Amino acid sequence: MKSYLAFLIQMVLWSVFTIAEWISNKDHLEYKWIMFVVFFYLAFIAAKKIVQSKKLTFLITSFSLMCFFTFKIVFENLMEIF
């Protein structure tokens, strides 16, 4: 249950990252990478506080990041079709 809660919190953080990225669409690529690193760190720390295991935290963070960006790519492709 703790892993699922950490996953959900990370999905919310990745959603906030996408909104922040959308708002700052005129920023340079370097700033977007810095913002990604900051959000990755926040997601990692949030999961580590919940799960209390570095290995499981890294797995959950990697899985949530992979899921979120997969959903994002699928959604963007669907938006281009319609």
PDB file of N, CA and C in Angstrom:
ATOM      1  N   MET A   1       0.810  -1.186   0.000  1.00  0.00           N
ATOM      2  CA  MET A   1       0.000   0.000   0.000  1.00  0.00           C
ATOM      3  C   MET A   1       0.860   1.260   0.000  1.00  0.00           C
ATOM      4  N   LYS A   2       1.989   1.198   0.705  1.00  0.00           N
ATOM      5  CA  LYS A   2       2.893   2.341   0.737  1.00  0.00           C
ATOM      6  C   LYS A   2       3.478   2.612  -0.646  1.00  0.00           C
ATOM      7  N   SER A   3       3.782   1.549  -1.374  1.00  0.00           N
ATOM      8  CA  SER A   3       4.338   1.719  -2.718  1.00  0.00           C
ATOM      9  C   SER A   3       3.323   2.374  -3.639  1.00  0.00           C
ATOM     10  N   TYR A   4       2.079   1.968  -3.517  1.00  0.00           N
ATOM     11  CA  TYR A   4       1.021   2.553  -4.345  1.00  0.00           C
ATOM     12  C   TYR A   4       0.821   4.028  -4.013  1.00  0.00           C
ATOM     13  N   LEU A   5       0.856   4.383  -2.746  1.00  0.00           N
ATOM     14  CA  LEU A   5       0.723   5.775  -2.333  1.00  0.00           C
ATOM     15  C   LEU A   5       1.883   6.607  -2.876  1.00  0.00           C
ATOM     16  N   ALA A   6       3.092   6.074  -2.783  1.00  0.00           N
ATOM     17  CA  ALA A   6       4.258   6.780  -3.317  1.00  0.00           C
ATOM     18  C   ALA A   6       4.130   6.958  -4.825  1.00  0.00           C
ATOM     19  N   PHE A   7       3.640   5.934  -5.519  1.00  0.00           N
ATOM     20  CA  PHE A   7       3.433   6.016  -6.963  1.00  0.00           C
ATOM     21  C   PHE A   7       2.427   7.113  -7.306  1.00  0.00           C
ATOM     22  N   LEU A   8       1.324   7.180  -6.582  1.00  0.00           N
ATOM     23  CA  LEU A   8       0.298   8.194  -6.844  1.00  0.00           C
ATOM     24  C   LEU A   8       0.818   9.607  -6.591  1.00  0.00           C
ATOM     25  N   ILE A   9       1.559   9.782  -5.517  1.00  0.00           N
ATOM     26  CA  ILE A   9       2.127  11.096  -5.220  1.00  0.00           C
ATOM     27  C   ILE A   9       3.113  11.507  -6.309  1.00  0.00           C
ATOM     28  N   GLN A  10       3.891  10.558  -6.785  1.00  0.00           N
ATOM     29  CA  GLN A  10       4.827  10.872  -7.856  1.00  0.00           C
ATOM     30  C   GLN A  10       4.110  11.211  -9.156  1.00  0.00           C
ATOM     31  N   MET A  11       3.012  10.544  -9.439  1.00  0.00           N
ATOM     32  CA  MET A  11       2.250  10.880 -10.643  1.00  0.00           C
ATOM     33  C   MET A  11       1.706  12.310 -10.553  1.00  0.00           C
ATOM     34  N   VAL A  12       1.298  12.708  -9.365  1.00  0.00           N
ATOM     35  CA  VAL A  12       0.852  14.096  -9.179  1.00  0.00           C
ATOM     36  C   VAL A  12       2.017  15.053  -9.409  1.00  0.00           C
ATOM     37  N   LEU A  13       3.184  14.708  -8.886  1.00  0.00           N
ATOM     38  CA  LEU A  13       4.357  15.566  -9.096  1.00  0.00           C
ATOM     39  C   LEU A  13       4.736  15.652 -10.569  1.00  0.00           C
ATOM     40  N   TRP A  14       4.664  14.543 -11.299  1.00  0.00           N
ATOM     41  CA  TRP A  14       4.975  14.584 -12.725  1.00  0.00           C
ATOM     42  C   TRP A  14       3.943  15.416 -13.484  1.00  0.00           C
ATOM     43  N   SER A  15       2.705  15.388 -13.030  1.00  0.00           N
ATOM     44  CA  SER A  15       1.671  16.221 -13.646  1.00  0.00           C
ATOM     45  C   SER A  15       1.959  17.699 -13.415  1.00  0.00           C
ATOM     46  N   VAL A  16       2.387  18.031 -12.213  1.00  0.00           N
ATOM     47  CA  VAL A  16       2.760  19.416 -11.911  1.00  0.00           C
ATOM     48  C   VAL A  16       3.969  19.812 -12.750  1.00  0.00           C
ATOM     49  N   PHE A  17       4.908  18.895 -12.943  1.00  0.00           N
ATOM     50  CA  PHE A  17       6.062  19.172 -13.805  1.00  0.00           C
ATOM     51  C   PHE A  17       5.610  19.498 -15.228  1.00  0.00           C
ATOM     52  N   THR A  18       4.649  18.748 -15.745  1.00  0.00           N
ATOM     53  CA  THR A  18       4.155  18.991 -17.097  1.00  0.00           C
ATOM     54  C   THR A  18       3.480  20.351 -17.197  1.00  0.00           C
ATOM     55  N   ILE A  19       2.722  20.720 -16.188  1.00  0.00           N
ATOM     56  CA  ILE A  19       2.084  22.040 -16.181  1.00  0.00           C
ATOM     57  C   ILE A  19       3.146  23.141 -16.120  1.00  0.00           C
ATOM     58  N   ALA A  20       4.156  22.962 -15.275  1.00  0.00           N
ATOM     59  CA  ALA A  20       5.232  23.948 -15.182  1.00  0.00           C
ATOM     60  C   ALA A  20       6.001  24.040 -16.500  1.00  0.00           C
ATOM     61  N   GLU A  21       6.202  22.912 -17.147  1.00  0.00           N
ATOM     62  CA  GLU A  21       6.889  22.897 -18.440  1.00  0.00           C
ATOM     63  C   GLU A  21       6.048  23.600 -19.505  1.00  0.00           C
ATOM     64  N   TRP A  22       4.750  23.394 -19.458  1.00  0.00           N
ATOM     65  CA  TRP A  22       3.848  24.025 -20.411  1.00  0.00           C
ATOM     66  C   TRP A  22       3.816  25.545 -20.210  1.00  0.00           C
ATOM     67  N   ILE A  23       3.808  25.984 -18.946  1.00  0.00           N
ATOM     68  CA  ILE A  23       3.793  27.418 -18.648  1.00  0.00           C
ATOM     69  C   ILE A  23       5.093  28.076 -19.102  1.00  0.00           C
ATOM     70  N   SER A  24       6.194  27.377 -18.970  1.00  0.00           N
ATOM     71  CA  SER A  24       7.498  27.953 -19.326  1.00  0.00           C
ATOM     72  C   SER A  24       7.954  27.452 -20.697  1.00  0.00           C
ATOM     73  N   ASN A  25       7.075  27.485 -21.670  1.00  0.00           N
ATOM     74  CA  ASN A  25       7.414  26.935 -22.981  1.00  0.00           C
ATOM     75  C   ASN A  25       8.463  27.755 -23.727  1.00  0.00           C
ATOM     76  N   LYS A  26       8.707  28.989 -23.329  1.00  0.00           N
ATOM     77  CA  LYS A  26       9.701  29.812 -24.016  1.00  0.00           C
ATOM     78  C   LYS A  26      11.072  29.770 -23.345  1.00  0.00           C
ATOM     79  N   ASP A  27      11.202  29.004 -22.285  1.00  0.00           N
ATOM     80  CA  ASP A  27      12.489  28.885 -21.607  1.00  0.00           C
ATOM     81  C   ASP A  27      13.466  28.061 -22.438  1.00  0.00           C
ATOM     82  N   HIS A  28      14.726  28.247 -22.133  1.00  0.00           N
ATOM     83  CA  HIS A  28      15.763  27.467 -22.804  1.00  0.00           C
ATOM     84  C   HIS A  28      15.720  26.021 -22.327  1.00  0.00           C
ATOM     85  N   LEU A  29      16.295  25.142 -23.113  1.00  0.00           N
ATOM     86  CA  LEU A  29      16.304  23.717 -22.796  1.00  0.00           C
ATOM     87  C   LEU A  29      17.043  23.432 -21.484  1.00  0.00           C
ATOM     88  N   GLU A  30      18.092  24.200 -21.199  1.00  0.00           N
ATOM     89  CA  GLU A  30      18.846  23.983 -19.963  1.00  0.00           C
ATOM     90  C   GLU A  30      17.965  24.190 -18.732  1.00  0.00           C
ATOM     91  N   TYR A  31      17.100  25.201 -18.774  1.00  0.00           N
ATOM     92  CA  TYR A  31      16.218  25.464 -17.636  1.00  0.00           C
ATOM     93  C   TYR A  31      15.188  24.353 -17.472  1.00  0.00           C
ATOM     94  N   LYS A  32      14.749  23.782 -18.583  1.00  0.00           N
ATOM     95  CA  LYS A  32      13.795  22.678 -18.496  1.00  0.00           C
ATOM     96  C   LYS A  32      14.457  21.438 -17.892  1.00  0.00           C
ATOM     97  N   TRP A  33      15.725  21.223 -18.210  1.00  0.00           N
ATOM     98  CA  TRP A  33      16.448  20.100 -17.620  1.00  0.00           C
ATOM     99  C   TRP A  33      16.657  20.312 -16.128  1.00  0.00           C
ATOM    100  N   ILE A  34      16.968  21.541 -15.749  1.00  0.00           N
ATOM    101  CA  ILE A  34      17.128  21.841 -14.322  1.00  0.00           C
ATOM    102  C   ILE A  34      15.811  21.618 -13.595  1.00  0.00           C
ATOM    103  N   MET A  35      14.725  22.057 -14.210  1.00  0.00           N
ATOM    104  CA  MET A  35      13.407  21.855 -13.613  1.00  0.00           C
ATOM    105  C   MET A  35      13.092  20.363 -13.502  1.00  0.00           C
ATOM    106  N   PHE A  36      13.462  19.573 -14.503  1.00  0.00           N
ATOM    107  CA  PHE A  36      13.242  18.124 -14.446  1.00  0.00           C
ATOM    108  C   PHE A  36      14.027  17.510 -13.289  1.00  0.00           C
ATOM    109  N   VAL A  37      15.263  17.915 -13.121  1.00  0.00           N
ATOM    110  CA  VAL A  37      16.090  17.377 -12.034  1.00  0.00           C
ATOM    111  C   VAL A  37      15.481  17.730 -10.676  1.00  0.00           C
ATOM    112  N   VAL A  38      14.980  18.949 -10.536  1.00  0.00           N
ATOM    113  CA  VAL A  38      14.361  19.370  -9.278  1.00  0.00           C
ATOM    114  C   VAL A  38      13.114  18.528  -8.997  1.00  0.00           C
ATOM    115  N   PHE A  39      12.274  18.318 -10.006  1.00  0.00           N
ATOM    116  CA  PHE A  39      11.068  17.515  -9.800  1.00  0.00           C
ATOM    117  C   PHE A  39      11.409  16.048  -9.561  1.00  0.00           C
ATOM    118  N   PHE A  40      12.449  15.538 -10.221  1.00  0.00           N
ATOM    119  CA  PHE A  40      12.886  14.169  -9.969  1.00  0.00           C
ATOM    120  C   PHE A  40      13.341  14.016  -8.522  1.00  0.00           C
ATOM    121  N   TYR A  41      14.093  14.998  -8.045  1.00  0.00           N
ATOM    122  CA  TYR A  41      14.564  14.969  -6.658  1.00  0.00           C
ATOM    123  C   TYR A  41      13.383  15.017  -5.686  1.00  0.00           C
ATOM    124  N   LEU A  42      12.412  15.886  -5.964  1.00  0.00           N
ATOM    125  CA  LEU A  42      11.227  15.973  -5.102  1.00  0.00           C
ATOM    126  C   LEU A  42      10.449  14.653  -5.088  1.00  0.00           C
ATOM    127  N   ALA A  43      10.300  14.048  -6.257  1.00  0.00           N
ATOM    128  CA  ALA A  43       9.584  12.772  -6.342  1.00  0.00           C
ATOM    129  C   ALA A  43      10.339  11.684  -5.589  1.00  0.00           C
ATOM    130  N   PHE A  44      11.649  11.675  -5.722  1.00  0.00           N
ATOM    131  CA  PHE A  44      12.469  10.676  -5.045  1.00  0.00           C
ATOM    132  C   PHE A  44      12.387  10.836  -3.523  1.00  0.00           C
ATOM    133  N   ILE A  45      12.506  12.066  -3.055  1.00  0.00           N
ATOM    134  CA  ILE A  45      12.460  12.326  -1.615  1.00  0.00           C
ATOM    135  C   ILE A  45      11.080  11.988  -1.043  1.00  0.00           C
ATOM    136  N   ALA A  46      10.017  12.340  -1.783  1.00  0.00           N
ATOM    137  CA  ALA A  46       8.657  12.039  -1.310  1.00  0.00           C
ATOM    138  C   ALA A  46       8.456  10.534  -1.176  1.00  0.00           C
ATOM    139  N   ALA A  47       8.911   9.781  -2.164  1.00  0.00           N
ATOM    140  CA  ALA A  47       8.762   8.323  -2.103  1.00  0.00           C
ATOM    141  C   ALA A  47       9.647   7.723  -1.009  1.00  0.00           C
ATOM    142  N   LYS A  48      10.828   8.277  -0.830  1.00  0.00           N
ATOM    143  CA  LYS A  48      11.739   7.743   0.196  1.00  0.00           C
ATOM    144  C   LYS A  48      11.165   7.945   1.594  1.00  0.00           C
ATOM    145  N   LYS A  49      10.484   9.067   1.816  1.00  0.00           N
ATOM    146  CA  LYS A  49       9.853   9.306   3.122  1.00  0.00           C
ATOM    147  C   LYS A  49       8.735   8.297   3.385  1.00  0.00           C
ATOM    148  N   ILE A  50       8.048   7.873   2.329  1.00  0.00           N
ATOM    149  CA  ILE A  50       6.928   6.943   2.497  1.00  0.00           C
ATOM    150  C   ILE A  50       7.411   5.503   2.584  1.00  0.00           C
ATOM    151  N   VAL A  51       8.315   5.112   1.683  1.00  0.00           N
ATOM    152  CA  VAL A  51       8.703   3.704   1.544  1.00  0.00           C
ATOM    153  C   VAL A  51       9.830   3.308   2.497  1.00  0.00           C
ATOM    154  N   GLN A  52      10.750   4.215   2.781  1.00  0.00           N
ATOM    155  CA  GLN A  52      11.881   3.965   3.686  1.00  0.00           C
ATOM    156  C   GLN A  52      12.905   2.977   3.133  1.00  0.00           C
ATOM    157  N   SER A  53      12.990   2.842   1.808  1.00  0.00           N
ATOM    158  CA  SER A  53      13.970   1.943   1.189  1.00  0.00           C
ATOM    159  C   SER A  53      14.474   2.605  -0.091  1.00  0.00           C
ATOM    160  N   LYS A  54      15.797   2.748  -0.202  1.00  0.00           N
ATOM    161  CA  LYS A  54      16.354   3.415  -1.379  1.00  0.00           C
ATOM    162  C   LYS A  54      16.115   2.622  -2.661  1.00  0.00           C
ATOM    163  N   LYS A  55      16.284   1.305  -2.590  1.00  0.00           N
ATOM    164  CA  LYS A  55      16.113   0.469  -3.773  1.00  0.00           C
ATOM    165  C   LYS A  55      14.670   0.510  -4.270  1.00  0.00           C
ATOM    166  N   LEU A  56      13.726   0.335  -3.364  1.00  0.00           N
ATOM    167  CA  LEU A  56      12.314   0.368  -3.745  1.00  0.00           C
ATOM    168  C   LEU A  56      11.906   1.772  -4.197  1.00  0.00           C
ATOM    169  N   THR A  57      12.473   2.790  -3.573  1.00  0.00           N
ATOM    170  CA  THR A  57      12.191   4.166  -3.981  1.00  0.00           C
ATOM    171  C   THR A  57      12.658   4.410  -5.411  1.00  0.00           C
ATOM    172  N   PHE A  58      13.849   3.941  -5.731  1.00  0.00           N
ATOM    173  CA  PHE A  58      14.361   4.115  -7.096  1.00  0.00           C
ATOM    174  C   PHE A  58      13.496   3.361  -8.107  1.00  0.00           C
ATOM    175  N   LEU A  59      13.057   2.155  -7.754  1.00  0.00           N
ATOM    176  CA  LEU A  59      12.201   1.385  -8.654  1.00  0.00           C
ATOM    177  C   LEU A  59      10.848   2.073  -8.869  1.00  0.00           C
ATOM    178  N   ILE A  60      10.253   2.564  -7.792  1.00  0.00           N
ATOM    179  CA  ILE A  60       8.964   3.243  -7.901  1.00  0.00           C
ATOM    180  C   ILE A  60       9.111   4.528  -8.718  1.00  0.00           C
ATOM    181  N   THR A  61      10.171   5.279  -8.464  1.00  0.00           N
ATOM    182  CA  THR A  61      10.390   6.528  -9.195  1.00  0.00           C
ATOM    183  C   THR A  61      10.612   6.246 -10.678  1.00  0.00           C
ATOM    184  N   SER A  62      11.403   5.262 -11.001  1.00  0.00           N
ATOM    185  CA  SER A  62      11.636   4.913 -12.404  1.00  0.00           C
ATOM    186  C   SER A  62      10.350   4.452 -13.083  1.00  0.00           C
ATOM    187  N   PHE A  63       9.576   3.631 -12.388  1.00  0.00           N
ATOM    188  CA  PHE A  63       8.326   3.129 -12.948  1.00  0.00           C
ATOM    189  C   PHE A  63       7.311   4.258 -13.156  1.00  0.00           C
ATOM    190  N   SER A  64       7.190   5.150 -12.184  1.00  0.00           N
ATOM    191  CA  SER A  64       6.229   6.253 -12.325  1.00  0.00           C
ATOM    192  C   SER A  64       6.649   7.196 -13.442  1.00  0.00           C
ATOM    193  N   LEU A  65       7.936   7.444 -13.557  1.00  0.00           N
ATOM    194  CA  LEU A  65       8.439   8.307 -14.632  1.00  0.00           C
ATOM    195  C   LEU A  65       8.186   7.672 -15.993  1.00  0.00           C
ATOM    196  N   MET A  66       8.445   6.385 -16.116  1.00  0.00           N
ATOM    197  CA  MET A  66       8.212   5.674 -17.374  1.00  0.00           C
ATOM    198  C   MET A  66       6.722   5.668 -17.722  1.00  0.00           C
ATOM    199  N   CYS A  67       5.882   5.378 -16.757  1.00  0.00           N
ATOM    200  CA  CYS A  67       4.431   5.362 -16.998  1.00  0.00           C
ATOM    201  C   CYS A  67       3.930   6.740 -17.399  1.00  0.00           C
ATOM    202  N   PHE A  68       4.352   7.754 -16.677  1.00  0.00           N
ATOM    203  CA  PHE A  68       3.839   9.086 -16.960  1.00  0.00           C
ATOM    204  C   PHE A  68       4.230   9.560 -18.355  1.00  0.00           C
ATOM    205  N   PHE A  69       5.490   9.408 -18.725  1.00  0.00           N
ATOM    206  CA  PHE A  69       5.901   9.883 -20.042  1.00  0.00           C
ATOM    207  C   PHE A  69       5.351   9.002 -21.166  1.00  0.00           C
ATOM    208  N   THR A  70       5.085   7.735 -20.898  1.00  0.00           N
ATOM    209  CA  THR A  70       4.402   6.895 -21.887  1.00  0.00           C
ATOM    210  C   THR A  70       2.984   7.396 -22.109  1.00  0.00           C
ATOM    211  N   PHE A  71       2.272   7.665 -21.015  1.00  0.00           N
ATOM    212  CA  PHE A  71       0.915   8.212 -21.130  1.00  0.00           C
ATOM    213  C   PHE A  71       0.921   9.568 -21.823  1.00  0.00           C
ATOM    214  N   LYS A  72       1.928  10.366 -21.534  1.00  0.00           N
ATOM    215  CA  LYS A  72       2.030  11.700 -22.139  1.00  0.00           C
ATOM    216  C   LYS A  72       2.222  11.587 -23.652  1.00  0.00           C
ATOM    217  N   ILE A  73       3.088  10.698 -24.090  1.00  0.00           N
ATOM    218  CA  ILE A  73       3.334  10.516 -25.522  1.00  0.00           C
ATOM    219  C   ILE A  73       2.091   9.981 -26.216  1.00  0.00           C
ATOM    220  N   VAL A  74       1.428   9.016 -25.601  1.00  0.00           N
ATOM    221  CA  VAL A  74       0.200   8.462 -26.186  1.00  0.00           C
ATOM    222  C   VAL A  74      -0.869   9.547 -26.299  1.00  0.00           C
ATOM    223  N   PHE A  75      -1.030  10.338 -25.248  1.00  0.00           N
ATOM    224  CA  PHE A  75      -2.033  11.394 -25.264  1.00  0.00           C
ATOM    225  C   PHE A  75      -1.725  12.447 -26.325  1.00  0.00           C
ATOM    226  N   GLU A  76      -0.450  12.835 -26.443  1.00  0.00           N
ATOM    227  CA  GLU A  76      -0.073  13.813 -27.468  1.00  0.00           C
ATOM    228  C   GLU A  76      -0.323  13.284 -28.870  1.00  0.00           C
ATOM    229  N   ASN A  77      -0.054  11.994 -29.090  1.00  0.00           N
ATOM    230  CA  ASN A  77      -0.316  11.403 -30.402  1.00  0.00           C
ATOM    231  C   ASN A  77      -1.806  11.329 -30.689  1.00  0.00           C
ATOM    232  N   LEU A  78      -2.599  11.040 -29.672  1.00  0.00           N
ATOM    233  CA  LEU A  78      -4.050  11.030 -29.861  1.00  0.00           C
ATOM    234  C   LEU A  78      -4.583  12.423 -30.181  1.00  0.00           C
ATOM    235  N   MET A  79      -3.985  13.437 -29.570  1.00  0.00           N
ATOM    236  CA  MET A  79      -4.422  14.804 -29.826  1.00  0.00           C
ATOM    237  C   MET A  79      -4.093  15.230 -31.252  1.00  0.00           C
ATOM    238  N   GLU A  80      -3.000  14.718 -31.810  1.00  0.00           N
ATOM    239  CA  GLU A  80      -2.645  15.037 -33.201  1.00  0.00           C
ATOM    240  C   GLU A  80      -3.596  14.383 -34.178  1.00  0.00           C
ATOM    241  N   ILE A  81      -4.106  13.206 -33.839  1.00  0.00           N
ATOM    242  CA  ILE A  81      -5.031  12.501 -34.728  1.00  0.00           C
ATOM    243  C   ILE A  81      -6.366  13.244 -34.800  1.00  0.00           C
ATOM    244  N   PHE A  82      -6.828  13.714 -33.644  1.00  0.00           N
ATOM    245  CA  PHE A  82      -8.113  14.402 -33.611  1.00  0.00           C
ATOM    246  C   PHE A  82      -7.859  15.854 -33.755  1.00  0.00           C
TER     247      PHE A  82
END
